[in-house]
Amino acid sequence: MLPINAGNFQEGYHELGIEHCCTAIEVDTMGSSESKPISSHVWKASAPNGISQDLVDSLQSSNETDASRSKIIELQIQARVAEELKNLQKKESEALKIAHEKLSNADLKDDNSTSQYTVSKEIEAMRQKLEARKQVRDLPEGVEGARNEVIRCLREHDRRPLDCWQEVENFKAEVKKLEKSWVEKVVS
């Protein structure tokens, strides 16, 4: 039995006594079940139609509901919109790239072509100078021998590289001699 103000659940719930606890639970669960019973579709045709019995049977046995159909359609629409957005972004980036290329080409044409020619000649001259310097010269026999001694020692004492300190010192001395002769050659 519900109190007079049962329309307002909160007030009615507080006014209920212990003897009415079942009624309070019934009021609490109202609305949690579907208000409309789920019915199956029955196809009845009063006149012959062009639909085969197989199609009618497949429609009747289908578990698909309106909600699932609408969800599938919504997902398909979202996928199509995402695809169209990708296409639009791709076209936009291509148009932007073309516009940048046109602007850069216009800037190059506006510049003085003789200055560009002059700069390219200077760059080519610098490249030739660098190529001439790049040539590797053979190491003197003393430096090469000291280097090979360090390598041999490190291979023999791979677990104890500090045992090769004497070979390293000899190599440093040979390199120092080479540097000194190079500096004297450059200065004079």
N, C-alpha and C. Protein backbone atom coordinates (compact mmCIF):
# COMPACT_ATOMS: atom_id res chain seq x y z
N MET A 1 0.85 -1.17 0.00
CA MET A 1 0.00 0.00 0.00
C MET A 1 0.89 1.24 0.00
N LEU A 2 0.66 2.15 -0.93
CA LEU A 2 1.48 3.35 -1.08
C LEU A 2 0.84 4.51 -0.35
N PRO A 3 1.63 5.42 0.17
CA PRO A 3 1.07 6.61 0.79
C PRO A 3 0.45 7.51 -0.27
N ILE A 4 -0.21 8.54 0.17
CA ILE A 4 -0.94 9.45 -0.72
C ILE A 4 0.01 10.12 -1.70
N ASN A 5 1.17 10.53 -1.26
CA ASN A 5 2.11 11.24 -2.13
C ASN A 5 3.09 10.25 -2.79
N ALA A 6 2.61 9.12 -3.27
CA ALA A 6 3.46 8.11 -3.89
C ALA A 6 4.06 8.59 -5.20
N GLY A 7 3.49 9.63 -5.80
CA GLY A 7 4.06 10.18 -7.03
C GLY A 7 5.45 10.71 -6.80
N ASN A 8 5.71 11.25 -5.62
CA ASN A 8 7.05 11.72 -5.29
C ASN A 8 7.74 10.59 -4.54
N PHE A 9 8.57 9.86 -5.21
CA PHE A 9 9.15 8.64 -4.67
C PHE A 9 9.97 8.90 -3.41
N GLN A 10 10.78 9.95 -3.41
CA GLN A 10 11.65 10.21 -2.27
C GLN A 10 10.84 10.42 -1.01
N GLU A 11 9.81 11.22 -1.09
CA GLU A 11 9.00 11.46 0.11
C GLU A 11 8.25 10.20 0.50
N GLY A 12 7.71 9.49 -0.49
CA GLY A 12 6.94 8.28 -0.21
C GLY A 12 7.82 7.20 0.38
N TYR A 13 9.06 7.11 -0.05
CA TYR A 13 9.96 6.09 0.44
C TYR A 13 10.27 6.31 1.91
N HIS A 14 10.45 7.56 2.31
CA HIS A 14 10.77 7.84 3.70
C HIS A 14 9.58 7.63 4.62
N GLU A 15 8.38 7.75 4.10
CA GLU A 15 7.20 7.61 4.94
C GLU A 15 6.76 6.16 5.08
N LEU A 16 7.31 5.28 4.28
CA LEU A 16 6.88 3.88 4.33
C LEU A 16 7.39 3.21 5.59
N GLY A 17 6.60 2.34 6.12
CA GLY A 17 7.01 1.58 7.29
C GLY A 17 7.61 0.25 6.88
N ILE A 18 7.94 -0.57 7.85
CA ILE A 18 8.54 -1.87 7.57
C ILE A 18 7.55 -2.77 6.85
N GLU A 19 6.26 -2.67 7.20
CA GLU A 19 5.27 -3.55 6.58
C GLU A 19 5.08 -3.24 5.10
N HIS A 20 5.55 -2.09 4.62
CA HIS A 20 5.37 -1.72 3.22
C HIS A 20 6.68 -1.81 2.43
N CYS A 21 7.67 -2.56 2.91
CA CYS A 21 8.98 -2.60 2.24
C CYS A 21 8.87 -3.24 0.86
N CYS A 22 8.01 -4.20 0.69
CA CYS A 22 7.86 -4.81 -0.64
C CYS A 22 7.34 -3.79 -1.63
N THR A 23 6.42 -2.95 -1.22
CA THR A 23 5.88 -1.92 -2.10
C THR A 23 6.98 -0.94 -2.49
N ALA A 24 7.86 -0.61 -1.55
CA ALA A 24 8.95 0.33 -1.86
C ALA A 24 9.88 -0.25 -2.91
N ILE A 25 10.13 -1.54 -2.84
CA ILE A 25 10.99 -2.18 -3.83
C ILE A 25 10.30 -2.17 -5.18
N GLU A 26 9.01 -2.40 -5.19
CA GLU A 26 8.28 -2.37 -6.47
C GLU A 26 8.36 -0.98 -7.08
N VAL A 27 8.23 0.05 -6.30
CA VAL A 27 8.29 1.42 -6.81
C VAL A 27 9.70 1.71 -7.31
N ASP A 28 10.70 1.18 -6.61
CA ASP A 28 12.09 1.44 -6.98
C ASP A 28 12.43 0.83 -8.34
N THR A 29 11.85 -0.30 -8.68
CA THR A 29 12.20 -0.96 -9.93
C THR A 29 11.31 -0.54 -11.09
N MET A 30 10.42 0.38 -10.88
CA MET A 30 9.57 0.83 -11.99
C MET A 30 10.42 1.49 -13.06
N GLY A 31 10.15 1.18 -14.29
CA GLY A 31 10.85 1.81 -15.40
C GLY A 31 12.11 1.07 -15.80
N SER A 32 12.54 0.06 -15.02
CA SER A 32 13.76 -0.65 -15.39
C SER A 32 13.49 -1.69 -16.47
N SER A 33 12.25 -2.10 -16.64
CA SER A 33 11.94 -3.05 -17.71
C SER A 33 11.33 -2.29 -18.88
N GLU A 34 11.31 -2.95 -20.03
CA GLU A 34 10.78 -2.30 -21.22
C GLU A 34 9.27 -2.12 -21.08
N SER A 35 8.80 -0.97 -21.53
CA SER A 35 7.38 -0.68 -21.40
C SER A 35 6.57 -1.34 -22.50
N LYS A 36 7.23 -1.68 -23.59
CA LYS A 36 6.52 -2.29 -24.71
C LYS A 36 7.07 -3.70 -24.90
N PRO A 37 6.22 -4.70 -24.88
CA PRO A 37 6.73 -6.06 -25.07
C PRO A 37 7.29 -6.21 -26.49
N ILE A 38 8.33 -7.02 -26.58
CA ILE A 38 8.94 -7.28 -27.88
C ILE A 38 8.10 -8.32 -28.60
N SER A 39 7.68 -7.95 -29.78
CA SER A 39 6.85 -8.90 -30.52
C SER A 39 7.58 -9.31 -31.79
N SER A 40 7.28 -10.48 -32.25
CA SER A 40 7.90 -10.95 -33.48
C SER A 40 7.02 -10.49 -34.65
N HIS A 41 7.64 -10.34 -35.78
CA HIS A 41 6.92 -9.89 -36.96
C HIS A 41 6.28 -11.10 -37.64
N VAL A 42 5.04 -10.96 -37.94
CA VAL A 42 4.34 -12.03 -38.65
C VAL A 42 3.87 -11.45 -39.97
N TRP A 43 4.26 -12.12 -41.03
CA TRP A 43 3.90 -11.66 -42.37
C TRP A 43 2.66 -12.42 -42.84
N LYS A 44 1.61 -11.66 -43.06
CA LYS A 44 0.38 -12.26 -43.58
C LYS A 44 -0.02 -11.48 -44.82
N ALA A 45 -0.15 -12.16 -45.88
CA ALA A 45 -0.55 -11.49 -47.11
C ALA A 45 -1.95 -11.93 -47.49
N SER A 46 -2.82 -10.96 -47.74
CA SER A 46 -4.18 -11.31 -48.12
C SER A 46 -4.26 -11.62 -49.61
N ALA A 47 -3.32 -11.07 -50.34
CA ALA A 47 -3.29 -11.33 -51.78
C ALA A 47 -1.89 -11.82 -52.13
N PRO A 48 -1.76 -12.52 -53.22
CA PRO A 48 -0.42 -13.00 -53.59
C PRO A 48 0.50 -11.81 -53.90
N ASN A 49 1.69 -11.89 -53.38
CA ASN A 49 2.68 -10.86 -53.67
C ASN A 49 3.90 -11.53 -54.29
N GLY A 50 4.86 -10.74 -54.72
CA GLY A 50 6.02 -11.27 -55.41
C GLY A 50 7.14 -11.69 -54.47
N ILE A 51 6.87 -11.88 -53.19
CA ILE A 51 7.90 -12.22 -52.21
C ILE A 51 7.93 -13.73 -52.02
N SER A 52 9.10 -14.29 -52.08
CA SER A 52 9.22 -15.73 -51.91
C SER A 52 9.11 -16.10 -50.44
N GLN A 53 8.79 -17.33 -50.20
CA GLN A 53 8.65 -17.82 -48.83
C GLN A 53 10.00 -17.84 -48.12
N ASP A 54 11.08 -18.07 -48.87
CA ASP A 54 12.43 -18.05 -48.28
C ASP A 54 12.75 -16.68 -47.71
N LEU A 55 12.40 -15.62 -48.44
CA LEU A 55 12.64 -14.26 -47.96
C LEU A 55 11.83 -13.99 -46.71
N VAL A 56 10.57 -14.40 -46.72
CA VAL A 56 9.71 -14.20 -45.55
C VAL A 56 10.29 -14.94 -44.35
N ASP A 57 10.73 -16.18 -44.55
CA ASP A 57 11.31 -16.96 -43.45
C ASP A 57 12.60 -16.32 -42.92
N SER A 58 13.43 -15.82 -43.83
CA SER A 58 14.68 -15.21 -43.37
C SER A 58 14.40 -13.92 -42.60
N LEU A 59 13.39 -13.17 -43.01
CA LEU A 59 13.04 -11.95 -42.28
C LEU A 59 12.49 -12.29 -40.90
N GLN A 60 11.68 -13.34 -40.81
CA GLN A 60 11.11 -13.72 -39.53
C GLN A 60 12.17 -14.28 -38.58
N SER A 61 13.15 -14.98 -39.10
CA SER A 61 14.16 -15.59 -38.24
C SER A 61 15.32 -14.64 -37.94
N SER A 62 15.32 -13.46 -38.52
CA SER A 62 16.41 -12.51 -38.32
C SER A 62 16.41 -11.98 -36.89
N ASN A 63 17.59 -11.94 -36.29
CA ASN A 63 17.75 -11.40 -34.94
C ASN A 63 17.98 -9.90 -34.95
N GLU A 64 18.07 -9.34 -36.12
CA GLU A 64 18.38 -7.92 -36.26
C GLU A 64 17.20 -7.07 -35.78
N THR A 65 17.51 -6.07 -34.95
CA THR A 65 16.47 -5.18 -34.43
C THR A 65 16.64 -3.81 -35.07
N ASP A 66 15.66 -2.96 -34.79
CA ASP A 66 15.75 -1.59 -35.31
C ASP A 66 16.99 -0.89 -34.76
N ALA A 67 17.30 -1.13 -33.49
CA ALA A 67 18.45 -0.48 -32.87
C ALA A 67 19.76 -0.96 -33.51
N SER A 68 19.86 -2.26 -33.76
CA SER A 68 21.10 -2.76 -34.37
C SER A 68 21.23 -2.27 -35.81
N ARG A 69 20.12 -2.21 -36.54
CA ARG A 69 20.17 -1.68 -37.91
C ARG A 69 20.59 -0.22 -37.90
N SER A 70 20.03 0.56 -36.98
CA SER A 70 20.38 1.98 -36.94
C SER A 70 21.84 2.16 -36.53
N LYS A 71 22.33 1.29 -35.63
CA LYS A 71 23.73 1.38 -35.23
C LYS A 71 24.65 1.04 -36.40
N ILE A 72 24.30 0.02 -37.16
CA ILE A 72 25.10 -0.36 -38.33
C ILE A 72 25.10 0.77 -39.35
N ILE A 73 23.94 1.35 -39.59
CA ILE A 73 23.86 2.45 -40.56
C ILE A 73 24.67 3.64 -40.06
N GLU A 74 24.59 3.93 -38.77
CA GLU A 74 25.36 5.04 -38.22
C GLU A 74 26.86 4.80 -38.36
N LEU A 75 27.32 3.57 -38.10
CA LEU A 75 28.74 3.25 -38.27
C LEU A 75 29.17 3.38 -39.73
N GLN A 76 28.30 2.95 -40.65
CA GLN A 76 28.62 3.09 -42.07
C GLN A 76 28.72 4.56 -42.46
N ILE A 77 27.82 5.37 -41.94
CA ILE A 77 27.84 6.81 -42.24
C ILE A 77 29.11 7.44 -41.67
N GLN A 78 29.47 7.07 -40.44
CA GLN A 78 30.69 7.61 -39.84
C GLN A 78 31.93 7.22 -40.63
N ALA A 79 31.97 5.97 -41.10
CA ALA A 79 33.11 5.53 -41.90
C ALA A 79 33.18 6.31 -43.21
N ARG A 80 32.04 6.54 -43.82
CA ARG A 80 32.01 7.29 -45.09
C ARG A 80 32.44 8.74 -44.86
N VAL A 81 31.98 9.34 -43.76
CA VAL A 81 32.36 10.72 -43.45
C VAL A 81 33.87 10.79 -43.21
N ALA A 82 34.42 9.82 -42.47
CA ALA A 82 35.86 9.80 -42.21
C ALA A 82 36.64 9.66 -43.51
N GLU A 83 36.15 8.81 -44.41
CA GLU A 83 36.81 8.63 -45.71
C GLU A 83 36.77 9.92 -46.52
N GLU A 84 35.63 10.60 -46.52
CA GLU A 84 35.52 11.86 -47.25
C GLU A 84 36.43 12.93 -46.64
N LEU A 85 36.54 12.94 -45.31
CA LEU A 85 37.45 13.89 -44.65
C LEU A 85 38.90 13.64 -45.06
N LYS A 86 39.28 12.35 -45.13
CA LYS A 86 40.64 12.03 -45.56
C LYS A 86 40.87 12.53 -46.98
N ASN A 87 39.89 12.28 -47.86
CA ASN A 87 40.04 12.73 -49.25
C ASN A 87 40.16 14.24 -49.33
N LEU A 88 39.33 14.95 -48.56
CA LEU A 88 39.39 16.41 -48.57
C LEU A 88 40.74 16.91 -48.04
N GLN A 89 41.24 16.29 -46.97
CA GLN A 89 42.53 16.70 -46.42
C GLN A 89 43.65 16.44 -47.42
N LYS A 90 43.55 15.31 -48.13
CA LYS A 90 44.56 14.98 -49.14
C LYS A 90 44.54 16.01 -50.26
N LYS A 91 43.35 16.35 -50.75
CA LYS A 91 43.24 17.35 -51.81
C LYS A 91 43.74 18.71 -51.33
N GLU A 92 43.41 19.04 -50.10
CA GLU A 92 43.84 20.33 -49.54
C GLU A 92 45.36 20.40 -49.42
N SER A 93 45.98 19.31 -48.96
CA SER A 93 47.44 19.31 -48.83
C SER A 93 48.11 19.38 -50.21
N GLU A 94 47.52 18.71 -51.21
CA GLU A 94 48.07 18.78 -52.56
C GLU A 94 47.95 20.20 -53.11
N ALA A 95 46.81 20.84 -52.89
CA ALA A 95 46.63 22.21 -53.36
C ALA A 95 47.60 23.15 -52.67
N LEU A 96 47.82 22.94 -51.38
CA LEU A 96 48.77 23.76 -50.64
C LEU A 96 50.19 23.57 -51.15
N LYS A 97 50.54 22.32 -51.45
CA LYS A 97 51.87 22.02 -51.98
C LYS A 97 52.06 22.71 -53.34
N ILE A 98 51.07 22.64 -54.20
CA ILE A 98 51.15 23.29 -55.51
C ILE A 98 51.29 24.79 -55.36
N ALA A 99 50.54 25.37 -54.43
CA ALA A 99 50.61 26.81 -54.21
C ALA A 99 52.01 27.21 -53.72
N HIS A 100 52.59 26.41 -52.81
CA HIS A 100 53.94 26.71 -52.32
C HIS A 100 54.96 26.62 -53.46
N GLU A 101 54.80 25.61 -54.32
CA GLU A 101 55.73 25.47 -55.44
C GLU A 101 55.62 26.66 -56.39
N LYS A 102 54.40 27.10 -56.65
CA LYS A 102 54.21 28.25 -57.53
C LYS A 102 54.85 29.50 -56.92
N LEU A 103 54.67 29.68 -55.62
CA LEU A 103 55.27 30.84 -54.96
C LEU A 103 56.79 30.79 -55.00
N SER A 104 57.35 29.62 -54.74
CA SER A 104 58.82 29.51 -54.76
C SER A 104 59.36 29.72 -56.16
N ASN A 105 58.65 29.22 -57.18
CA ASN A 105 59.09 29.45 -58.56
C ASN A 105 59.00 30.92 -58.92
N ALA A 106 57.96 31.59 -58.46
CA ALA A 106 57.81 33.02 -58.74
C ALA A 106 58.92 33.81 -58.06
N ASP A 107 59.30 33.42 -56.84
CA ASP A 107 60.39 34.10 -56.14
C ASP A 107 61.71 33.93 -56.87
N LEU A 108 61.95 32.72 -57.38
CA LEU A 108 63.20 32.48 -58.11
C LEU A 108 63.27 33.29 -59.39
N LYS A 109 62.15 33.44 -60.07
CA LYS A 109 62.13 34.21 -61.31
C LYS A 109 62.34 35.70 -61.04
N ASP A 110 61.86 36.17 -59.90
CA ASP A 110 62.00 37.58 -59.55
C ASP A 110 63.44 37.94 -59.20
N ASP A 111 64.20 36.98 -58.66
CA ASP A 111 65.59 37.25 -58.29
C ASP A 111 66.41 37.53 -59.54
N ASN A 112 67.51 38.19 -59.33
CA ASN A 112 68.41 38.49 -60.43
C ASN A 112 69.12 37.20 -60.83
N SER A 113 68.97 36.79 -62.08
CA SER A 113 69.52 35.51 -62.52
C SER A 113 71.04 35.54 -62.55
N THR A 114 71.65 36.71 -62.75
CA THR A 114 73.11 36.77 -62.77
C THR A 114 73.68 36.49 -61.39
N SER A 115 73.02 36.93 -60.34
CA SER A 115 73.52 36.66 -58.99
C SER A 115 73.42 35.17 -58.69
N GLN A 116 72.38 34.53 -59.15
CA GLN A 116 72.25 33.09 -58.94
C GLN A 116 73.36 32.36 -59.69
N TYR A 117 73.66 32.82 -60.89
CA TYR A 117 74.74 32.22 -61.68
C TYR A 117 76.08 32.41 -60.97
N THR A 118 76.30 33.59 -60.43
CA THR A 118 77.55 33.89 -59.73
C THR A 118 77.70 33.01 -58.50
N VAL A 119 76.63 32.89 -57.75
CA VAL A 119 76.67 32.06 -56.53
C VAL A 119 76.95 30.61 -56.89
N SER A 120 76.32 30.10 -57.92
CA SER A 120 76.55 28.70 -58.30
C SER A 120 77.99 28.48 -58.75
N LYS A 121 78.58 29.47 -59.43
CA LYS A 121 79.99 29.36 -59.82
C LYS A 121 80.90 29.32 -58.59
N GLU A 122 80.61 30.17 -57.61
CA GLU A 122 81.41 30.19 -56.38
C GLU A 122 81.31 28.86 -55.64
N ILE A 123 80.12 28.32 -55.60
CA ILE A 123 79.92 27.03 -54.93
C ILE A 123 80.72 25.95 -55.64
N GLU A 124 80.69 25.96 -56.94
CA GLU A 124 81.43 24.96 -57.71
C GLU A 124 82.93 25.08 -57.48
N ALA A 125 83.43 26.32 -57.40
CA ALA A 125 84.86 26.53 -57.14
C ALA A 125 85.24 26.01 -55.75
N MET A 126 84.38 26.23 -54.75
CA MET A 126 84.64 25.73 -53.40
C MET A 126 84.64 24.20 -53.38
N ARG A 127 83.73 23.60 -54.13
CA ARG A 127 83.69 22.13 -54.18
C ARG A 127 84.99 21.57 -54.75
N GLN A 128 85.49 22.21 -55.79
CA GLN A 128 86.74 21.74 -56.39
C GLN A 128 87.90 21.85 -55.40
N LYS A 129 87.94 22.94 -54.64
CA LYS A 129 89.00 23.10 -53.64
C LYS A 129 88.90 22.02 -52.57
N LEU A 130 87.68 21.74 -52.14
CA LEU A 130 87.49 20.69 -51.13
C LEU A 130 87.88 19.33 -51.67
N GLU A 131 87.57 19.05 -52.91
CA GLU A 131 87.95 17.77 -53.50
C GLU A 131 89.47 17.62 -53.53
N ALA A 132 90.16 18.73 -53.82
CA ALA A 132 91.63 18.67 -53.85
C ALA A 132 92.18 18.38 -52.46
N ARG A 133 91.58 18.93 -51.43
CA ARG A 133 92.05 18.70 -50.06
C ARG A 133 91.67 17.33 -49.53
N LYS A 134 90.63 16.77 -50.09
CA LYS A 134 90.08 15.53 -49.57
C LYS A 134 90.99 14.32 -49.83
N GLN A 135 91.91 14.44 -50.72
CA GLN A 135 92.76 13.31 -51.06
C GLN A 135 93.49 12.80 -49.82
N VAL A 136 93.37 11.51 -49.59
CA VAL A 136 93.97 10.89 -48.42
C VAL A 136 95.42 10.52 -48.75
N ARG A 137 96.29 10.90 -47.87
CA ARG A 137 97.71 10.57 -48.04
C ARG A 137 98.03 9.37 -47.17
N ASP A 138 99.01 8.62 -47.59
CA ASP A 138 99.45 7.48 -46.79
C ASP A 138 100.14 7.99 -45.53
N LEU A 139 99.94 7.24 -44.44
CA LEU A 139 100.60 7.59 -43.18
C LEU A 139 102.08 7.23 -43.26
N PRO A 140 102.90 8.00 -42.59
CA PRO A 140 104.33 7.62 -42.53
C PRO A 140 104.48 6.26 -41.86
N GLU A 141 105.60 5.59 -42.16
CA GLU A 141 105.80 4.23 -41.66
C GLU A 141 105.82 4.17 -40.14
N GLY A 142 106.35 5.18 -39.49
CA GLY A 142 106.42 5.18 -38.02
C GLY A 142 105.03 5.22 -37.39
N VAL A 143 104.14 6.08 -37.94
CA VAL A 143 102.77 6.18 -37.41
C VAL A 143 102.00 4.90 -37.72
N GLU A 144 102.15 4.39 -38.92
CA GLU A 144 101.45 3.16 -39.31
C GLU A 144 101.90 1.98 -38.45
N GLY A 145 103.20 1.88 -38.19
CA GLY A 145 103.71 0.79 -37.35
C GLY A 145 103.19 0.89 -35.92
N ALA A 146 103.19 2.10 -35.35
CA ALA A 146 102.69 2.28 -33.98
C ALA A 146 101.20 1.96 -33.91
N ARG A 147 100.48 2.34 -34.93
CA ARG A 147 99.03 2.05 -34.99
C ARG A 147 98.79 0.55 -35.01
N ASN A 148 99.53 -0.15 -35.83
CA ASN A 148 99.38 -1.61 -35.92
C ASN A 148 99.76 -2.29 -34.61
N GLU A 149 100.74 -1.76 -33.90
CA GLU A 149 101.13 -2.33 -32.60
C GLU A 149 100.01 -2.17 -31.57
N VAL A 150 99.33 -1.00 -31.58
CA VAL A 150 98.20 -0.78 -30.66
C VAL A 150 97.08 -1.77 -30.99
N ILE A 151 96.78 -1.94 -32.26
CA ILE A 151 95.71 -2.86 -32.68
C ILE A 151 96.06 -4.29 -32.26
N ARG A 152 97.31 -4.71 -32.51
CA ARG A 152 97.73 -6.06 -32.14
C ARG A 152 97.61 -6.29 -30.64
N CYS A 153 98.07 -5.31 -29.86
CA CYS A 153 98.04 -5.45 -28.40
C CYS A 153 96.61 -5.52 -27.89
N LEU A 154 95.74 -4.69 -28.44
CA LEU A 154 94.34 -4.70 -27.98
C LEU A 154 93.65 -6.02 -28.34
N ARG A 155 94.02 -6.61 -29.44
CA ARG A 155 93.43 -7.91 -29.81
C ARG A 155 93.95 -9.02 -28.89
N GLU A 156 95.21 -8.94 -28.54
CA GLU A 156 95.78 -9.96 -27.65
C GLU A 156 95.23 -9.83 -26.23
N HIS A 157 95.04 -8.61 -25.78
CA HIS A 157 94.57 -8.36 -24.41
C HIS A 157 93.17 -7.74 -24.46
N ASP A 158 92.25 -8.44 -25.08
CA ASP A 158 90.91 -7.86 -25.26
C ASP A 158 90.17 -7.68 -23.94
N ARG A 159 90.52 -8.45 -22.93
CA ARG A 159 89.87 -8.32 -21.62
C ARG A 159 90.64 -7.35 -20.71
N ARG A 160 91.86 -7.01 -21.09
CA ARG A 160 92.69 -6.14 -20.25
C ARG A 160 93.37 -5.09 -21.14
N PRO A 161 92.61 -4.10 -21.64
CA PRO A 161 93.18 -3.12 -22.57
C PRO A 161 94.20 -2.19 -21.91
N LEU A 162 94.21 -2.10 -20.60
CA LEU A 162 95.16 -1.21 -19.93
C LEU A 162 96.59 -1.74 -20.01
N ASP A 163 96.75 -3.01 -20.38
CA ASP A 163 98.09 -3.57 -20.54
C ASP A 163 98.79 -2.99 -21.78
N CYS A 164 98.06 -2.29 -22.63
CA CYS A 164 98.61 -1.75 -23.88
C CYS A 164 99.02 -0.30 -23.74
N TRP A 165 99.31 0.17 -22.56
CA TRP A 165 99.60 1.59 -22.36
C TRP A 165 100.89 2.01 -23.07
N GLN A 166 101.87 1.12 -23.10
CA GLN A 166 103.15 1.47 -23.74
C GLN A 166 102.97 1.66 -25.25
N GLU A 167 102.18 0.79 -25.89
CA GLU A 167 101.94 0.90 -27.32
C GLU A 167 101.17 2.18 -27.64
N VAL A 168 100.22 2.53 -26.77
CA VAL A 168 99.44 3.75 -26.97
C VAL A 168 100.34 4.97 -26.85
N GLU A 169 101.26 4.97 -25.89
CA GLU A 169 102.19 6.10 -25.72
C GLU A 169 103.10 6.24 -26.95
N ASN A 170 103.56 5.11 -27.49
CA ASN A 170 104.39 5.16 -28.70
C ASN A 170 103.61 5.76 -29.87
N PHE A 171 102.33 5.37 -30.00
CA PHE A 171 101.48 5.88 -31.08
C PHE A 171 101.29 7.39 -30.92
N LYS A 172 101.05 7.84 -29.69
CA LYS A 172 100.87 9.28 -29.44
C LYS A 172 102.12 10.06 -29.82
N ALA A 173 103.28 9.51 -29.50
CA ALA A 173 104.54 10.19 -29.82
C ALA A 173 104.72 10.31 -31.34
N GLU A 174 104.38 9.26 -32.08
CA GLU A 174 104.50 9.29 -33.54
C GLU A 174 103.54 10.31 -34.14
N VAL A 175 102.32 10.37 -33.62
CA VAL A 175 101.33 11.33 -34.12
C VAL A 175 101.79 12.75 -33.81
N LYS A 176 102.38 12.94 -32.64
CA LYS A 176 102.88 14.27 -32.26
C LYS A 176 103.97 14.73 -33.23
N LYS A 177 104.86 13.81 -33.62
CA LYS A 177 105.90 14.14 -34.59
C LYS A 177 105.28 14.55 -35.93
N LEU A 178 104.25 13.80 -36.36
CA LEU A 178 103.58 14.09 -37.64
C LEU A 178 102.91 15.45 -37.59
N GLU A 179 102.22 15.76 -36.49
CA GLU A 179 101.56 17.06 -36.35
C GLU A 179 102.58 18.20 -36.37
N LYS A 180 103.69 18.00 -35.69
CA LYS A 180 104.72 19.04 -35.63
C LYS A 180 105.29 19.31 -37.02
N SER A 181 105.56 18.26 -37.78
CA SER A 181 106.08 18.46 -39.14
C SER A 181 105.05 19.15 -40.03
N TRP A 182 103.77 18.85 -39.86
CA TRP A 182 102.71 19.48 -40.66
C TRP A 182 102.62 20.97 -40.33
N VAL A 183 102.66 21.32 -39.03
CA VAL A 183 102.59 22.72 -38.62
C VAL A 183 103.78 23.49 -39.18
N GLU A 184 104.97 22.91 -39.12
CA GLU A 184 106.16 23.58 -39.66
C GLU A 184 106.02 23.81 -41.16
N LYS A 185 105.42 22.83 -41.87
CA LYS A 185 105.24 22.95 -43.31
C LYS A 185 104.23 24.05 -43.64
N VAL A 186 103.15 24.16 -42.85
CA VAL A 186 102.11 25.16 -43.10
C VAL A 186 102.63 26.56 -42.77
N VAL A 187 103.35 26.70 -41.68
CA VAL A 187 103.83 28.01 -41.23
C VAL A 187 104.90 28.54 -42.19
N SER A 188 105.78 27.70 -42.67
CA SER A 188 106.87 28.20 -43.52
C SER A 188 106.49 28.37 -44.96
